[in-house]
Amino acid sequence: MPSGVRLRLLFQDEARFGCISDQRRCWAPWPLRPVVGQQIVRQFVYGLAAVSPLDGQLCSLVLPWVDAQAMSLFLDHTAAQFPNQHCLMLLDGAGWHTAAGLEIPPTIHLLRLPAYSPELNPVEHIWDHLRENYLSNRTFATLDAVVKQLCVGLHNLHQQPGLVRSMTSFDWLKTLSLTLN
């Protein structure tokens, strides 16, 4: 890697979103009981996100499926969002992260997180925030409505790097020293 190139730490993950209702706690004045709709429709889309916890920058896509081709597309999208930077991307051990057909841009280096450790991945908090604030206690008539609401939530997070940083900048990340030797 040439000298003077900035190093960026990213965490990546994907999540499935669909028309199955996500019931969460909600508030209602006493003595009323909130009524929440419920449905089970097995149609899904996938959100892919990479977060830079140290500055709250977020890169995301909503895709109809996940595989090596979709992951390659996401990696290209991420590399384009952070030009002139080398990205160290930590991710889980999903099959498409290590598939033979995965095309990794030269400015991205993938590093696997330990197995069975989602608590180490800050992107999990992004998914919780989206489910809690944009998708919970609602029923969606179509998968397009889910996609639209998911995109609204992701767009709002893109506009609020301070909020993203507050959700994803774990204490142990603040102690890292990212230097190239």
C-alpha atoms as a PDB file:
ATOM      1  CA  MET A   1       0.000   0.000   0.000  1.00  0.00           C
ATOM      2  CA  PRO A   2       1.448   3.381  -0.995  1.00  0.00           C
ATOM      3  CA  SER A   3       2.403   5.828   1.744  1.00  0.00           C
ATOM      4  CA  GLY A   4      -0.067   8.615   2.428  1.00  0.00           C
ATOM      5  CA  VAL A   5      -3.118   6.398   1.803  1.00  0.00           C
ATOM      6  CA  ARG A   6      -5.640   6.685   4.623  1.00  0.00           C
ATOM      7  CA  LEU A   7      -6.678   3.493   6.413  1.00  0.00           C
ATOM      8  CA  ARG A   8     -10.394   3.097   7.263  1.00  0.00           C
ATOM      9  CA  LEU A   9     -11.780   0.492   9.669  1.00  0.00           C
ATOM     10  CA  LEU A  10     -15.155  -0.898   8.566  1.00  0.00           C
ATOM     11  CA  PHE A  11     -17.469  -3.547   9.939  1.00  0.00           C
ATOM     12  CA  GLN A  12     -19.854  -5.275   7.522  1.00  0.00           C
ATOM     13  CA  ASP A  13     -22.990  -7.344   7.953  1.00  0.00           C
ATOM     14  CA  GLU A  14     -26.224  -8.198   6.196  1.00  0.00           C
ATOM     15  CA  ALA A  15     -29.738  -8.685   7.520  1.00  0.00           C
ATOM     16  CA  ARG A  16     -32.997 -10.022   6.143  1.00  0.00           C
ATOM     17  CA  PHE A  17     -36.129  -7.865   6.164  1.00  0.00           C
ATOM     18  CA  GLY A  18     -39.563  -8.930   5.042  1.00  0.00           C
ATOM     19  CA  CYS A  19     -43.312  -8.787   5.363  1.00  0.00           C
ATOM     20  CA  ILE A  20     -43.319 -10.842   8.568  1.00  0.00           C
ATOM     21  CA  SER A  21     -44.410  -8.414  11.262  1.00  0.00           C
ATOM     22  CA  ASP A  22     -41.910  -7.488  13.960  1.00  0.00           C
ATOM     23  CA  GLN A  23     -43.781  -7.018  17.227  1.00  0.00           C
ATOM     24  CA  ARG A  24     -42.032  -4.854  19.811  1.00  0.00           C
ATOM     25  CA  ARG A  25     -43.032  -3.149  23.021  1.00  0.00           C
ATOM     26  CA  CYS A  26     -44.878   0.120  22.564  1.00  0.00           C
ATOM     27  CA  TRP A  27     -46.413   2.786  24.747  1.00  0.00           C
ATOM     28  CA  ALA A  28     -50.109   3.575  25.147  1.00  0.00           C
ATOM     29  CA  PRO A  29     -51.906   5.681  27.773  1.00  0.00           C
ATOM     30  CA  TRP A  30     -53.520   3.777  30.604  1.00  0.00           C
ATOM     31  CA  PRO A  31     -55.996   1.977  30.482  1.00  0.00           C
ATOM     32  CA  LEU A  32     -55.713   1.434  26.722  1.00  0.00           C
ATOM     33  CA  ARG A  33     -53.958  -1.566  25.238  1.00  0.00           C
ATOM     34  CA  PRO A  34     -52.167  -1.020  21.942  1.00  0.00           C
ATOM     35  CA  VAL A  35     -53.382  -3.110  19.026  1.00  0.00           C
ATOM     36  CA  VAL A  36     -50.642  -4.254  16.710  1.00  0.00           C
ATOM     37  CA  GLY A  37     -51.275  -5.979  13.395  1.00  0.00           C
ATOM     38  CA  GLN A  38     -49.634  -9.278  12.638  1.00  0.00           C
ATOM     39  CA  GLN A  39     -48.914 -11.123   9.428  1.00  0.00           C
ATOM     40  CA  ILE A  40     -46.661 -13.842   8.088  1.00  0.00           C
ATOM     41  CA  VAL A  41     -45.689 -13.452   4.458  1.00  0.00           C
ATOM     42  CA  ARG A  42     -42.412 -15.102   3.551  1.00  0.00           C
ATOM     43  CA  GLN A  43     -40.969 -12.551   1.142  1.00  0.00           C
ATOM     44  CA  PHE A  44     -37.623 -10.986   1.946  1.00  0.00           C
ATOM     45  CA  VAL A  45     -34.995  -8.489   0.871  1.00  0.00           C
ATOM     46  CA  TYR A  46     -31.536  -8.104   2.310  1.00  0.00           C
ATOM     47  CA  GLY A  47     -29.818  -5.043   3.695  1.00  0.00           C
ATOM     48  CA  LEU A  48     -26.048  -4.930   3.430  1.00  0.00           C
ATOM     49  CA  ALA A  49     -24.173  -2.330   5.434  1.00  0.00           C
ATOM     50  CA  ALA A  50     -20.633  -1.370   6.318  1.00  0.00           C
ATOM     51  CA  VAL A  51     -20.072   1.092   9.133  1.00  0.00           C
ATOM     52  CA  SER A  52     -17.009   3.081  10.099  1.00  0.00           C
ATOM     53  CA  PRO A  53     -17.590   3.351  13.858  1.00  0.00           C
ATOM     54  CA  LEU A  54     -14.856   5.902  14.490  1.00  0.00           C
ATOM     55  CA  ASP A  55     -16.551   8.613  12.378  1.00  0.00           C
ATOM     56  CA  GLY A  56     -20.086   7.256  11.844  1.00  0.00           C
ATOM     57  CA  GLN A  57     -19.853   6.890   8.059  1.00  0.00           C
ATOM     58  CA  LEU A  58     -22.224   4.283   6.654  1.00  0.00           C
ATOM     59  CA  CYS A  59     -22.351   2.483   3.314  1.00  0.00           C
ATOM     60  CA  SER A  60     -25.441   0.423   2.501  1.00  0.00           C
ATOM     61  CA  LEU A  61     -27.401  -1.340  -0.209  1.00  0.00           C
ATOM     62  CA  VAL A  62     -30.754  -3.129  -0.280  1.00  0.00           C
ATOM     63  CA  LEU A  63     -30.660  -6.174  -2.560  1.00  0.00           C
ATOM     64  CA  PRO A  64     -33.103  -8.979  -3.412  1.00  0.00           C
ATOM     65  CA  TRP A  65     -30.639 -11.728  -2.455  1.00  0.00           C
ATOM     66  CA  VAL A  66     -27.173 -12.336  -1.005  1.00  0.00           C
ATOM     67  CA  ASP A  67     -24.491 -14.406  -2.658  1.00  0.00           C
ATOM     68  CA  ALA A  68     -20.919 -13.882  -3.879  1.00  0.00           C
ATOM     69  CA  GLN A  69     -22.111 -11.728  -6.791  1.00  0.00           C
ATOM     70  CA  ALA A  70     -24.190  -9.477  -4.513  1.00  0.00           C
ATOM     71  CA  MET A  71     -21.298  -9.216  -2.052  1.00  0.00           C
ATOM     72  CA  SER A  72     -18.929  -8.300  -4.888  1.00  0.00           C
ATOM     73  CA  LEU A  73     -21.343  -5.564  -5.934  1.00  0.00           C
ATOM     74  CA  PHE A  74     -21.467  -4.276  -2.357  1.00  0.00           C
ATOM     75  CA  LEU A  75     -17.662  -4.283  -2.066  1.00  0.00           C
ATOM     76  CA  ASP A  76     -17.391  -2.254  -5.299  1.00  0.00           C
ATOM     77  CA  HIS A  77     -20.011   0.172  -3.946  1.00  0.00           C
ATOM     78  CA  THR A  78     -18.076   0.529  -0.685  1.00  0.00           C
ATOM     79  CA  ALA A  79     -14.741   1.050  -2.445  1.00  0.00           C
ATOM     80  CA  ALA A  80     -16.334   3.790  -4.567  1.00  0.00           C
ATOM     81  CA  GLN A  81     -17.710   5.533  -1.460  1.00  0.00           C
ATOM     82  CA  PHE A  82     -14.247   5.678   0.124  1.00  0.00           C
ATOM     83  CA  PRO A  83     -11.899   6.534  -2.769  1.00  0.00           C
ATOM     84  CA  ASN A  84      -8.197   7.048  -2.039  1.00  0.00           C
ATOM     85  CA  GLN A  85      -8.559   5.061   1.186  1.00  0.00           C
ATOM     86  CA  HIS A  86      -7.644   1.503   2.032  1.00  0.00           C
ATOM     87  CA  CYS A  87     -10.493  -0.238   3.882  1.00  0.00           C
ATOM     88  CA  LEU A  88      -9.931  -2.962   6.438  1.00  0.00           C
ATOM     89  CA  MET A  89     -13.366  -4.629   6.580  1.00  0.00           C
ATOM     90  CA  LEU A  90     -14.234  -6.989   9.423  1.00  0.00           C
ATOM     91  CA  LEU A  91     -17.095  -9.392   8.746  1.00  0.00           C
ATOM     92  CA  ASP A  92     -18.586 -12.683   9.834  1.00  0.00           C
ATOM     93  CA  GLY A  93     -18.024 -16.086   8.260  1.00  0.00           C
ATOM     94  CA  ALA A  94     -20.985 -16.183   5.843  1.00  0.00           C
ATOM     95  CA  GLY A  95     -20.392 -18.411   2.824  1.00  0.00           C
ATOM     96  CA  TRP A  96     -20.507 -15.559   0.309  1.00  0.00           C
ATOM     97  CA  HIS A  97     -17.727 -13.746   2.214  1.00  0.00           C
ATOM     98  CA  THR A  98     -15.303 -16.524   1.325  1.00  0.00           C
ATOM     99  CA  ALA A  99     -16.782 -17.835  -1.954  1.00  0.00           C
ATOM    100  CA  ALA A 100     -14.447 -18.533  -4.847  1.00  0.00           C
ATOM    101  CA  GLY A 101     -16.377 -16.142  -7.092  1.00  0.00           C
ATOM    102  CA  LEU A 102     -16.048 -13.170  -4.708  1.00  0.00           C
ATOM    103  CA  GLU A 103     -14.372 -10.196  -6.383  1.00  0.00           C
ATOM    104  CA  ILE A 104     -12.566  -8.005  -3.855  1.00  0.00           C
ATOM    105  CA  PRO A 105     -11.459  -4.516  -4.950  1.00  0.00           C
ATOM    106  CA  PRO A 106      -7.737  -3.807  -4.434  1.00  0.00           C
ATOM    107  CA  THR A 107      -8.496  -1.088  -1.840  1.00  0.00           C
ATOM    108  CA  ILE A 108     -10.410  -3.457   0.456  1.00  0.00           C
ATOM    109  CA  HIS A 109      -8.928  -6.111   2.707  1.00  0.00           C
ATOM    110  CA  LEU A 110     -11.351  -8.575   4.377  1.00  0.00           C
ATOM    111  CA  LEU A 111     -10.753  -9.884   7.873  1.00  0.00           C
ATOM    112  CA  ARG A 112     -13.056 -12.393   9.573  1.00  0.00           C
ATOM    113  CA  LEU A 113     -14.438 -11.881  13.039  1.00  0.00           C
ATOM    114  CA  PRO A 114     -14.347 -14.877  15.407  1.00  0.00           C
ATOM    115  CA  ALA A 115     -17.112 -17.405  14.807  1.00  0.00           C
ATOM    116  CA  TYR A 116     -20.373 -17.043  16.740  1.00  0.00           C
ATOM    117  CA  SER A 117     -19.602 -13.515  17.959  1.00  0.00           C
ATOM    118  CA  PRO A 118     -22.238 -11.108  16.621  1.00  0.00           C
ATOM    119  CA  GLU A 119     -21.720  -8.957  19.727  1.00  0.00           C
ATOM    120  CA  LEU A 120     -18.379  -7.855  18.244  1.00  0.00           C
ATOM    121  CA  ASN A 121     -20.020  -6.477  15.094  1.00  0.00           C
ATOM    122  CA  PRO A 122     -21.318  -2.894  15.506  1.00  0.00           C
ATOM    123  CA  VAL A 123     -23.561  -3.255  12.433  1.00  0.00           C
ATOM    124  CA  GLU A 124     -25.891  -5.402  14.542  1.00  0.00           C
ATOM    125  CA  HIS A 125     -26.890  -2.174  16.347  1.00  0.00           C
ATOM    126  CA  ILE A 126     -27.788  -0.590  12.990  1.00  0.00           C
ATOM    127  CA  TRP A 127     -30.179  -3.465  12.273  1.00  0.00           C
ATOM    128  CA  ASP A 128     -31.705  -3.175  15.770  1.00  0.00           C
ATOM    129  CA  HIS A 129     -32.211   0.574  15.278  1.00  0.00           C
ATOM    130  CA  LEU A 130     -33.920   0.065  11.906  1.00  0.00           C
ATOM    131  CA  ARG A 131     -36.205  -2.668  13.219  1.00  0.00           C
ATOM    132  CA  GLU A 132     -37.093  -0.700  16.341  1.00  0.00           C
ATOM    133  CA  ASN A 133     -37.653   2.710  14.728  1.00  0.00           C
ATOM    134  CA  TYR A 134     -38.796   2.015  11.159  1.00  0.00           C
ATOM    135  CA  LEU A 135     -40.231  -1.494  10.885  1.00  0.00           C
ATOM    136  CA  SER A 136     -41.654  -2.598  14.241  1.00  0.00           C
ATOM    137  CA  ASN A 137     -45.366  -2.970  14.994  1.00  0.00           C
ATOM    138  CA  ARG A 138     -46.311  -2.440  11.354  1.00  0.00           C
ATOM    139  CA  THR A 139     -47.694  -4.619   8.626  1.00  0.00           C
ATOM    140  CA  PHE A 140     -46.598  -4.051   5.049  1.00  0.00           C
ATOM    141  CA  ALA A 141     -48.898  -4.866   2.145  1.00  0.00           C
ATOM    142  CA  THR A 142     -46.035  -5.515  -0.264  1.00  0.00           C
ATOM    143  CA  LEU A 143     -42.329  -6.197  -0.250  1.00  0.00           C
ATOM    144  CA  ASP A 144     -41.862  -2.878  -2.068  1.00  0.00           C
ATOM    145  CA  ALA A 145     -43.322  -1.127   0.980  1.00  0.00           C
ATOM    146  CA  VAL A 146     -40.727  -2.879   3.168  1.00  0.00           C
ATOM    147  CA  VAL A 147     -37.952  -1.795   0.794  1.00  0.00           C
ATOM    148  CA  LYS A 148     -39.201   1.792   0.808  1.00  0.00           C
ATOM    149  CA  GLN A 149     -39.332   1.955   4.610  1.00  0.00           C
ATOM    150  CA  LEU A 150     -35.930   0.285   4.930  1.00  0.00           C
ATOM    151  CA  CYS A 151     -34.449   2.820   2.503  1.00  0.00           C
ATOM    152  CA  VAL A 152     -35.993   5.688   4.487  1.00  0.00           C
ATOM    153  CA  GLY A 153     -34.335   4.376   7.650  1.00  0.00           C
ATOM    154  CA  LEU A 154     -30.955   3.864   5.980  1.00  0.00           C
ATOM    155  CA  HIS A 155     -31.125   7.308   4.360  1.00  0.00           C
ATOM    156  CA  ASN A 156     -31.837   8.893   7.743  1.00  0.00           C
ATOM    157  CA  LEU A 157     -28.853   7.088   9.260  1.00  0.00           C
ATOM    158  CA  HIS A 158     -26.616   8.236   6.394  1.00  0.00           C
ATOM    159  CA  GLN A 159     -27.612  11.812   7.261  1.00  0.00           C
ATOM    160  CA  GLN A 160     -26.770  11.371  10.978  1.00  0.00           C
ATOM    161  CA  PRO A 161     -23.173  10.156  11.401  1.00  0.00           C
ATOM    162  CA  GLY A 162     -23.219  11.270  15.042  1.00  0.00           C
ATOM    163  CA  LEU A 163     -26.096   8.904  15.787  1.00  0.00           C
ATOM    164  CA  VAL A 164     -24.360   6.077  13.897  1.00  0.00           C
ATOM    165  CA  ARG A 165     -21.131   6.730  15.808  1.00  0.00           C
ATOM    166  CA  SER A 166     -22.999   6.709  19.144  1.00  0.00           C
ATOM    167  CA  MET A 167     -24.516   3.293  18.322  1.00  0.00           C
ATOM    168  CA  THR A 168     -21.403   1.654  16.892  1.00  0.00           C
ATOM    169  CA  SER A 169     -18.275   3.119  18.500  1.00  0.00           C
ATOM    170  CA  PHE A 170     -17.698   0.533  21.204  1.00  0.00           C
ATOM    171  CA  ASP A 171     -15.249   1.385  23.993  1.00  0.00           C
ATOM    172  CA  TRP A 172     -12.748  -1.238  22.868  1.00  0.00           C
ATOM    173  CA  LEU A 173     -12.688   0.277  19.363  1.00  0.00           C
ATOM    174  CA  LYS A 174     -11.603   3.643  20.761  1.00  0.00           C
ATOM    175  CA  THR A 175      -8.441   2.031  22.114  1.00  0.00           C
ATOM    176  CA  LEU A 176      -7.255   0.783  18.696  1.00  0.00           C
ATOM    177  CA  SER A 177      -4.279   2.402  17.069  1.00  0.00           C
ATOM    178  CA  LEU A 178      -4.542   2.056  13.299  1.00  0.00           C
ATOM    179  CA  THR A 179      -1.112   2.532  11.829  1.00  0.00           C
ATOM    180  CA  LEU A 180       0.688   0.947   8.939  1.00  0.00           C
ATOM    181  CA  ASN A 181       4.117  -0.592   9.505  1.00  0.00           C
END
